[in-house]
């Protein structure tokens, strides 16, 4: 169990693995399958009891991340923020400053300086916490994090970062001004309890976090390709 994240939310998610398992079976076996589209490709929403993914942005993030990972050897992958290991066994490198789990490098993303460069770097709903949820708060630290991750890319490497909008206003502002240098940003807005749709920035700008639905009500999928 993670000892440095707030105990109660982590405990709830761990208990949820068991409490919500029957409801997950119900959704998977007795309800119509739900899909969303990204880059003209169809993906099924991800349903899992941990963090009740059908109620938040994980339903999009996990299938997109898994799809991208199919193109890479695990030895060539860095994940910033320990997310995917909660849903399946993984063997790629995981960096997380606060989560104390076996196999996770416990280090600040802005200080991480390995000798190798990665063909693929992935971060799922993590960068918005960098600096913003630290004590004392360090607004703008996410810029140093993104800069460092871009420098850790191998030539031709890809950085994929997902960000729920409305959580970190400084990061939202940088996405609006495109000052972080991403090659592409695709936005999604939540249209119902379980449905999302691709949207333009003007449709998600100012979207609140946590209302009317739990978690993100708008999501950015940000991609940077190292052209060197």
C-alpha atoms as a PDB file:
ATOM      1  CA  UNK A   1       0.000   0.000   0.000  1.00  0.00           C
ATOM      2  CA  UNK A   2       1.260   3.456  -0.855  1.00  0.00           C
ATOM      3  CA  UNK A   3       2.290   5.193   2.360  1.00  0.00           C
ATOM      4  CA  UNK A   4       2.826   8.676   0.969  1.00  0.00           C
ATOM      5  CA  UNK A   5      -0.393   9.286  -0.937  1.00  0.00           C
ATOM      6  CA  UNK A   6      -3.439  10.165   1.180  1.00  0.00           C
ATOM      7  CA  UNK A   7      -4.436   6.927   2.871  1.00  0.00           C
ATOM      8  CA  UNK A   8      -8.224   7.077   2.547  1.00  0.00           C
ATOM      9  CA  UNK A   9      -8.497   7.485  -1.261  1.00  0.00           C
ATOM     10  CA  UNK A  10      -5.924   4.748  -1.811  1.00  0.00           C
ATOM     11  CA  UNK A  11      -7.715   2.452   0.616  1.00  0.00           C
ATOM     12  CA  UNK A  12     -11.033   3.055  -1.153  1.00  0.00           C
ATOM     13  CA  UNK A  13      -9.537   2.150  -4.528  1.00  0.00           C
ATOM     14  CA  UNK A  14      -7.957  -1.016  -3.157  1.00  0.00           C
ATOM     15  CA  UNK A  15     -11.231  -2.083  -1.542  1.00  0.00           C
ATOM     16  CA  UNK A  16     -13.001  -1.202  -4.782  1.00  0.00           C
ATOM     17  CA  UNK A  17     -11.134  -3.999  -6.558  1.00  0.00           C
ATOM     18  CA  UNK A  18     -13.410  -6.404  -4.724  1.00  0.00           C
ATOM     19  CA  UNK A  19     -16.517  -4.369  -3.968  1.00  0.00           C
ATOM     20  CA  UNK A  20     -17.076  -3.294  -7.581  1.00  0.00           C
ATOM     21  CA  UNK A  21     -16.085  -6.584  -9.233  1.00  0.00           C
ATOM     22  CA  UNK A  22     -19.685  -7.862  -9.544  1.00  0.00           C
ATOM     23  CA  UNK A  23     -20.797  -4.569 -11.091  1.00  0.00           C
ATOM     24  CA  UNK A  24     -17.928  -4.782 -13.588  1.00  0.00           C
ATOM     25  CA  UNK A  25     -19.117  -8.245 -14.605  1.00  0.00           C
ATOM     26  CA  UNK A  26     -22.570  -6.802 -15.083  1.00  0.00           C
ATOM     27  CA  UNK A  27     -21.265  -3.990 -17.291  1.00  0.00           C
ATOM     28  CA  UNK A  28     -19.113  -6.338 -19.357  1.00  0.00           C
ATOM     29  CA  UNK A  29     -21.576  -9.179 -19.824  1.00  0.00           C
ATOM     30  CA  UNK A  30     -25.059  -7.698 -19.705  1.00  0.00           C
ATOM     31  CA  UNK A  31     -24.704  -4.132 -20.969  1.00  0.00           C
ATOM     32  CA  UNK A  32     -24.076  -2.986 -24.574  1.00  0.00           C
ATOM     33  CA  UNK A  33     -20.431  -2.421 -25.408  1.00  0.00           C
ATOM     34  CA  UNK A  34     -19.437   1.253 -25.574  1.00  0.00           C
ATOM     35  CA  UNK A  35     -16.850   2.726 -27.947  1.00  0.00           C
ATOM     36  CA  UNK A  36     -15.090   6.015 -28.651  1.00  0.00           C
ATOM     37  CA  UNK A  37     -13.013   7.214 -31.609  1.00  0.00           C
ATOM     38  CA  UNK A  38      -9.448   8.544 -31.600  1.00  0.00           C
ATOM     39  CA  UNK A  39      -7.547   9.335 -34.794  1.00  0.00           C
ATOM     40  CA  UNK A  40     -10.341   7.698 -36.776  1.00  0.00           C
ATOM     41  CA  UNK A  41      -9.834   4.437 -34.890  1.00  0.00           C
ATOM     42  CA  UNK A  42     -12.451   2.807 -32.683  1.00  0.00           C
ATOM     43  CA  UNK A  43     -11.663   1.856 -29.079  1.00  0.00           C
ATOM     44  CA  UNK A  44     -13.773   0.179 -26.419  1.00  0.00           C
ATOM     45  CA  UNK A  45     -14.096   1.982 -23.100  1.00  0.00           C
ATOM     46  CA  UNK A  46     -12.089   0.313 -20.335  1.00  0.00           C
ATOM     47  CA  UNK A  47     -14.061  -1.150 -17.428  1.00  0.00           C
ATOM     48  CA  UNK A  48     -12.204  -2.161 -14.259  1.00  0.00           C
ATOM     49  CA  UNK A  49     -13.065  -2.083 -10.531  1.00  0.00           C
ATOM     50  CA  UNK A  50      -9.848  -0.322  -9.474  1.00  0.00           C
ATOM     51  CA  UNK A  51     -10.653   3.407  -9.419  1.00  0.00           C
ATOM     52  CA  UNK A  52     -14.026   2.515 -11.004  1.00  0.00           C
ATOM     53  CA  UNK A  53     -12.737   3.387 -14.459  1.00  0.00           C
ATOM     54  CA  UNK A  54     -16.183   3.633 -16.105  1.00  0.00           C
ATOM     55  CA  UNK A  55     -16.839   6.719 -13.941  1.00  0.00           C
ATOM     56  CA  UNK A  56     -13.795   8.746 -15.003  1.00  0.00           C
ATOM     57  CA  UNK A  57     -11.172   9.448 -17.663  1.00  0.00           C
ATOM     58  CA  UNK A  58      -9.398   6.129 -17.103  1.00  0.00           C
ATOM     59  CA  UNK A  59     -11.994   4.589 -19.411  1.00  0.00           C
ATOM     60  CA  UNK A  60     -10.276   6.397 -22.316  1.00  0.00           C
ATOM     61  CA  UNK A  61      -6.704   6.612 -21.076  1.00  0.00           C
ATOM     62  CA  UNK A  62      -6.065   2.912 -20.509  1.00  0.00           C
ATOM     63  CA  UNK A  63      -7.127   1.641 -23.960  1.00  0.00           C
ATOM     64  CA  UNK A  64      -5.212   4.449 -25.691  1.00  0.00           C
ATOM     65  CA  UNK A  65      -2.082   3.766 -23.638  1.00  0.00           C
ATOM     66  CA  UNK A  66      -2.258   0.038 -24.299  1.00  0.00           C
ATOM     67  CA  UNK A  67      -2.680   0.657 -28.004  1.00  0.00           C
ATOM     68  CA  UNK A  68       0.433   2.848 -28.106  1.00  0.00           C
ATOM     69  CA  UNK A  69       2.443   0.365 -26.035  1.00  0.00           C
ATOM     70  CA  UNK A  70       1.865  -2.385 -28.590  1.00  0.00           C
ATOM     71  CA  UNK A  71       4.399  -0.673 -30.856  1.00  0.00           C
ATOM     72  CA  UNK A  72       7.281  -0.779 -28.368  1.00  0.00           C
ATOM     73  CA  UNK A  73       9.476  -3.209 -26.513  1.00  0.00           C
ATOM     74  CA  UNK A  74       8.949  -2.746 -22.732  1.00  0.00           C
ATOM     75  CA  UNK A  75      12.670  -1.996 -22.373  1.00  0.00           C
ATOM     76  CA  UNK A  76      12.112   1.101 -24.517  1.00  0.00           C
ATOM     77  CA  UNK A  77       9.258   2.517 -22.435  1.00  0.00           C
ATOM     78  CA  UNK A  78       9.170   4.935 -19.504  1.00  0.00           C
ATOM     79  CA  UNK A  79       5.902   5.499 -17.653  1.00  0.00           C
ATOM     80  CA  UNK A  80       5.738   8.611 -15.443  1.00  0.00           C
ATOM     81  CA  UNK A  81       3.172   8.026 -12.702  1.00  0.00           C
ATOM     82  CA  UNK A  82       2.374   4.465 -11.719  1.00  0.00           C
ATOM     83  CA  UNK A  83      -0.974   3.758 -13.380  1.00  0.00           C
ATOM     84  CA  UNK A  84      -0.898   0.789 -15.747  1.00  0.00           C
ATOM     85  CA  UNK A  85       0.483  -1.682 -13.193  1.00  0.00           C
ATOM     86  CA  UNK A  86      -2.780  -1.381 -11.253  1.00  0.00           C
ATOM     87  CA  UNK A  87      -4.604  -2.996 -14.183  1.00  0.00           C
ATOM     88  CA  UNK A  88      -2.129  -5.585 -15.518  1.00  0.00           C
ATOM     89  CA  UNK A  89       1.405  -6.813 -15.117  1.00  0.00           C
ATOM     90  CA  UNK A  90       3.925  -4.570 -16.831  1.00  0.00           C
ATOM     91  CA  UNK A  91       7.700  -4.760 -17.279  1.00  0.00           C
ATOM     92  CA  UNK A  92       8.578  -1.272 -18.500  1.00  0.00           C
ATOM     93  CA  UNK A  93      10.302   1.362 -16.347  1.00  0.00           C
ATOM     94  CA  UNK A  94       7.971   3.263 -13.996  1.00  0.00           C
ATOM     95  CA  UNK A  95       8.847   6.550 -12.322  1.00  0.00           C
ATOM     96  CA  UNK A  96       6.721   7.875  -9.445  1.00  0.00           C
ATOM     97  CA  UNK A  97       7.891  10.298  -6.774  1.00  0.00           C
ATOM     98  CA  UNK A  98       5.331   9.316  -4.161  1.00  0.00           C
ATOM     99  CA  UNK A  99       4.165   5.757  -4.753  1.00  0.00           C
ATOM    100  CA  UNK A 100       6.047   3.175  -2.753  1.00  0.00           C
ATOM    101  CA  UNK A 101       5.686  -0.089  -4.667  1.00  0.00           C
ATOM    102  CA  UNK A 102       8.107  -2.768  -5.739  1.00  0.00           C
ATOM    103  CA  UNK A 103       9.601  -2.025  -9.143  1.00  0.00           C
ATOM    104  CA  UNK A 104       8.736   1.692  -9.104  1.00  0.00           C
ATOM    105  CA  UNK A 105      11.551   4.274  -9.231  1.00  0.00           C
ATOM    106  CA  UNK A 106      10.802   6.745  -6.451  1.00  0.00           C
ATOM    107  CA  UNK A 107      12.150   9.973  -7.934  1.00  0.00           C
ATOM    108  CA  UNK A 108      11.036  13.457  -8.961  1.00  0.00           C
ATOM    109  CA  UNK A 109      10.356  13.615 -12.697  1.00  0.00           C
ATOM    110  CA  UNK A 110      12.248  16.911 -13.067  1.00  0.00           C
ATOM    111  CA  UNK A 111      15.394  15.321 -11.564  1.00  0.00           C
ATOM    112  CA  UNK A 112      15.324  12.011 -13.424  1.00  0.00           C
ATOM    113  CA  UNK A 113      18.462  11.754 -15.561  1.00  0.00           C
ATOM    114  CA  UNK A 114      19.079   8.192 -16.785  1.00  0.00           C
ATOM    115  CA  UNK A 115      21.951   7.301 -19.092  1.00  0.00           C
ATOM    116  CA  UNK A 116      19.575   5.982 -21.762  1.00  0.00           C
ATOM    117  CA  UNK A 117      16.980   7.682 -23.936  1.00  0.00           C
ATOM    118  CA  UNK A 118      13.494   6.255 -24.427  1.00  0.00           C
ATOM    119  CA  UNK A 119      11.650   5.661 -27.712  1.00  0.00           C
ATOM    120  CA  UNK A 120       8.338   6.014 -25.878  1.00  0.00           C
ATOM    121  CA  UNK A 121       7.424   7.955 -22.732  1.00  0.00           C
ATOM    122  CA  UNK A 122       3.912   7.768 -21.321  1.00  0.00           C
ATOM    123  CA  UNK A 123       2.241   9.752 -18.544  1.00  0.00           C
ATOM    124  CA  UNK A 124      -1.385   9.154 -17.568  1.00  0.00           C
ATOM    125  CA  UNK A 125      -3.097  11.899 -15.526  1.00  0.00           C
ATOM    126  CA  UNK A 126       0.089  12.692 -13.626  1.00  0.00           C
ATOM    127  CA  UNK A 127       1.749  15.879 -14.889  1.00  0.00           C
ATOM    128  CA  UNK A 128      -1.122  18.047 -13.616  1.00  0.00           C
ATOM    129  CA  UNK A 129      -0.116  17.017 -10.080  1.00  0.00           C
ATOM    130  CA  UNK A 130       3.561  17.969 -10.485  1.00  0.00           C
ATOM    131  CA  UNK A 131       4.180  21.055  -8.367  1.00  0.00           C
ATOM    132  CA  UNK A 132       0.456  21.705  -7.955  1.00  0.00           C
ATOM    133  CA  UNK A 133      -0.110  19.032  -5.291  1.00  0.00           C
ATOM    134  CA  UNK A 134       3.265  19.402  -3.615  1.00  0.00           C
ATOM    135  CA  UNK A 135       3.968  21.223  -0.368  1.00  0.00           C
ATOM    136  CA  UNK A 136       4.813  23.995  -0.740  1.00  0.00           C
ATOM    137  CA  UNK A 137       2.939  24.378  -4.022  1.00  0.00           C
ATOM    138  CA  UNK A 138       5.180  25.114  -7.016  1.00  0.00           C
ATOM    139  CA  UNK A 139       3.034  26.533  -9.838  1.00  0.00           C
ATOM    140  CA  UNK A 140       4.583  25.988 -13.242  1.00  0.00           C
ATOM    141  CA  UNK A 141       6.739  23.034 -12.215  1.00  0.00           C
ATOM    142  CA  UNK A 142       4.903  20.955 -14.818  1.00  0.00           C
ATOM    143  CA  UNK A 143       6.835  22.931 -17.464  1.00  0.00           C
ATOM    144  CA  UNK A 144      10.139  21.620 -16.110  1.00  0.00           C
ATOM    145  CA  UNK A 145       8.676  18.115 -16.068  1.00  0.00           C
ATOM    146  CA  UNK A 146       7.578  18.267 -19.710  1.00  0.00           C
ATOM    147  CA  UNK A 147      10.914  19.803 -20.738  1.00  0.00           C
ATOM    148  CA  UNK A 148      12.854  17.018 -19.023  1.00  0.00           C
ATOM    149  CA  UNK A 149      10.682  14.291 -20.557  1.00  0.00           C
ATOM    150  CA  UNK A 150      11.196  15.728 -24.021  1.00  0.00           C
ATOM    151  CA  UNK A 151      14.953  15.666 -23.431  1.00  0.00           C
ATOM    152  CA  UNK A 152      14.737  12.009 -22.380  1.00  0.00           C
ATOM    153  CA  UNK A 153      13.291  10.977 -25.753  1.00  0.00           C
ATOM    154  CA  UNK A 154      15.419   9.036 -28.198  1.00  0.00           C
ATOM    155  CA  UNK A 155      15.624  10.416 -31.761  1.00  0.00           C
ATOM    156  CA  UNK A 156      12.214   9.817 -33.306  1.00  0.00           C
ATOM    157  CA  UNK A 157      10.813   9.039 -29.856  1.00  0.00           C
ATOM    158  CA  UNK A 158       7.249   9.821 -28.795  1.00  0.00           C
ATOM    159  CA  UNK A 159       5.925  11.389 -25.590  1.00  0.00           C
ATOM    160  CA  UNK A 160       2.230  10.825 -24.874  1.00  0.00           C
ATOM    161  CA  UNK A 161       0.678  12.680 -21.952  1.00  0.00           C
ATOM    162  CA  UNK A 162      -2.952  12.731 -20.838  1.00  0.00           C
ATOM    163  CA  UNK A 163      -4.301  15.637 -18.786  1.00  0.00           C
ATOM    164  CA  UNK A 164      -7.745  16.030 -17.194  1.00  0.00           C
ATOM    165  CA  UNK A 165      -8.669  19.664 -17.687  1.00  0.00           C
ATOM    166  CA  UNK A 166      -9.851  21.911 -14.869  1.00  0.00           C
ATOM    167  CA  UNK A 167      -7.462  20.481 -12.262  1.00  0.00           C
ATOM    168  CA  UNK A 168      -4.335  22.601 -12.739  1.00  0.00           C
ATOM    169  CA  UNK A 169      -5.237  26.014 -14.211  1.00  0.00           C
ATOM    170  CA  UNK A 170      -1.610  26.869 -15.035  1.00  0.00           C
ATOM    171  CA  UNK A 171      -1.266  23.708 -17.108  1.00  0.00           C
ATOM    172  CA  UNK A 172      -4.620  24.382 -18.799  1.00  0.00           C
ATOM    173  CA  UNK A 173      -3.354  27.843 -19.745  1.00  0.00           C
ATOM    174  CA  UNK A 174      -0.206  26.379 -21.272  1.00  0.00           C
ATOM    175  CA  UNK A 175      -2.298  23.958 -23.306  1.00  0.00           C
ATOM    176  CA  UNK A 176      -4.413  26.828 -24.580  1.00  0.00           C
ATOM    177  CA  UNK A 177      -1.375  28.855 -25.653  1.00  0.00           C
ATOM    178  CA  UNK A 178       0.405  25.727 -26.937  1.00  0.00           C
ATOM    179  CA  UNK A 179       3.520  26.849 -25.094  1.00  0.00           C
ATOM    180  CA  UNK A 180       4.588  23.330 -24.090  1.00  0.00           C
ATOM    181  CA  UNK A 181       5.536  22.493 -27.662  1.00  0.00           C
ATOM    182  CA  UNK A 182       3.435  19.401 -28.243  1.00  0.00           C
ATOM    183  CA  UNK A 183       3.177  18.222 -31.827  1.00  0.00           C
ATOM    184  CA  UNK A 184      -0.505  17.407 -31.369  1.00  0.00           C
ATOM    185  CA  UNK A 185      -3.231  17.824 -28.751  1.00  0.00           C
ATOM    186  CA  UNK A 186      -6.558  16.043 -29.086  1.00  0.00           C
ATOM    187  CA  UNK A 187      -9.365  17.008 -26.719  1.00  0.00           C
ATOM    188  CA  UNK A 188     -12.317  15.023 -25.436  1.00  0.00           C
ATOM    189  CA  UNK A 189     -15.381  16.238 -23.599  1.00  0.00           C
ATOM    190  CA  UNK A 190     -17.632  14.132 -21.444  1.00  0.00           C
ATOM    191  CA  UNK A 191     -21.129  13.949 -22.855  1.00  0.00           C
ATOM    192  CA  UNK A 192     -22.728  11.608 -20.301  1.00  0.00           C
ATOM    193  CA  UNK A 193     -21.925   9.362 -17.344  1.00  0.00           C
ATOM    194  CA  UNK A 194     -20.041   6.869 -19.541  1.00  0.00           C
ATOM    195  CA  UNK A 195     -19.605   8.609 -22.891  1.00  0.00           C
ATOM    196  CA  UNK A 196     -16.940  10.945 -24.299  1.00  0.00           C
ATOM    197  CA  UNK A 197     -16.601  12.689 -27.659  1.00  0.00           C
ATOM    198  CA  UNK A 198     -13.693  14.331 -29.441  1.00  0.00           C
ATOM    199  CA  UNK A 199     -13.938  18.124 -29.266  1.00  0.00           C
ATOM    200  CA  UNK A 200     -12.235  21.386 -30.192  1.00  0.00           C
ATOM    201  CA  UNK A 201     -10.421  23.478 -27.582  1.00  0.00           C
ATOM    202  CA  UNK A 202     -13.247  26.009 -27.498  1.00  0.00           C
ATOM    203  CA  UNK A 203     -15.640  23.258 -26.417  1.00  0.00           C
ATOM    204  CA  UNK A 204     -13.511  22.144 -23.453  1.00  0.00           C
ATOM    205  CA  UNK A 205     -11.968  25.449 -22.403  1.00  0.00           C
ATOM    206  CA  UNK A 206     -12.865  26.157 -18.773  1.00  0.00           C
ATOM    207  CA  UNK A 207     -14.318  22.696 -18.185  1.00  0.00           C
ATOM    208  CA  UNK A 208     -14.616  22.129 -14.418  1.00  0.00           C
ATOM    209  CA  UNK A 209     -12.963  19.189 -12.717  1.00  0.00           C
ATOM    210  CA  UNK A 210     -15.233  16.907 -10.699  1.00  0.00           C
ATOM    211  CA  UNK A 211     -18.581  18.235 -11.926  1.00  0.00           C
ATOM    212  CA  UNK A 212     -21.087  17.411 -13.188  1.00  0.00           C
ATOM    213  CA  UNK A 213     -19.343  14.028 -13.363  1.00  0.00           C
ATOM    214  CA  UNK A 214     -16.659  12.477 -11.180  1.00  0.00           C
ATOM    215  CA  UNK A 215     -13.066  13.191 -12.186  1.00  0.00           C
ATOM    216  CA  UNK A 216     -12.244  14.937 -15.422  1.00  0.00           C
ATOM    217  CA  UNK A 217     -15.066  16.267 -17.558  1.00  0.00           C
ATOM    218  CA  UNK A 218     -12.642  17.131 -20.354  1.00  0.00           C
ATOM    219  CA  UNK A 219      -9.385  15.436 -21.293  1.00  0.00           C
ATOM    220  CA  UNK A 220      -6.351  16.376 -23.359  1.00  0.00           C
ATOM    221  CA  UNK A 221      -4.273  13.762 -25.174  1.00  0.00           C
ATOM    222  CA  UNK A 222      -0.934  15.481 -25.840  1.00  0.00           C
ATOM    223  CA  UNK A 223       1.697  13.990 -28.136  1.00  0.00           C
ATOM    224  CA  UNK A 224       5.236  15.157 -28.879  1.00  0.00           C
ATOM    225  CA  UNK A 225       7.457  13.494 -31.482  1.00  0.00           C
ATOM    226  CA  UNK A 226      11.193  14.091 -31.241  1.00  0.00           C
ATOM    227  CA  UNK A 227      12.208  14.976 -34.785  1.00  0.00           C
ATOM    228  CA  UNK A 228      15.928  14.869 -34.065  1.00  0.00           C
END
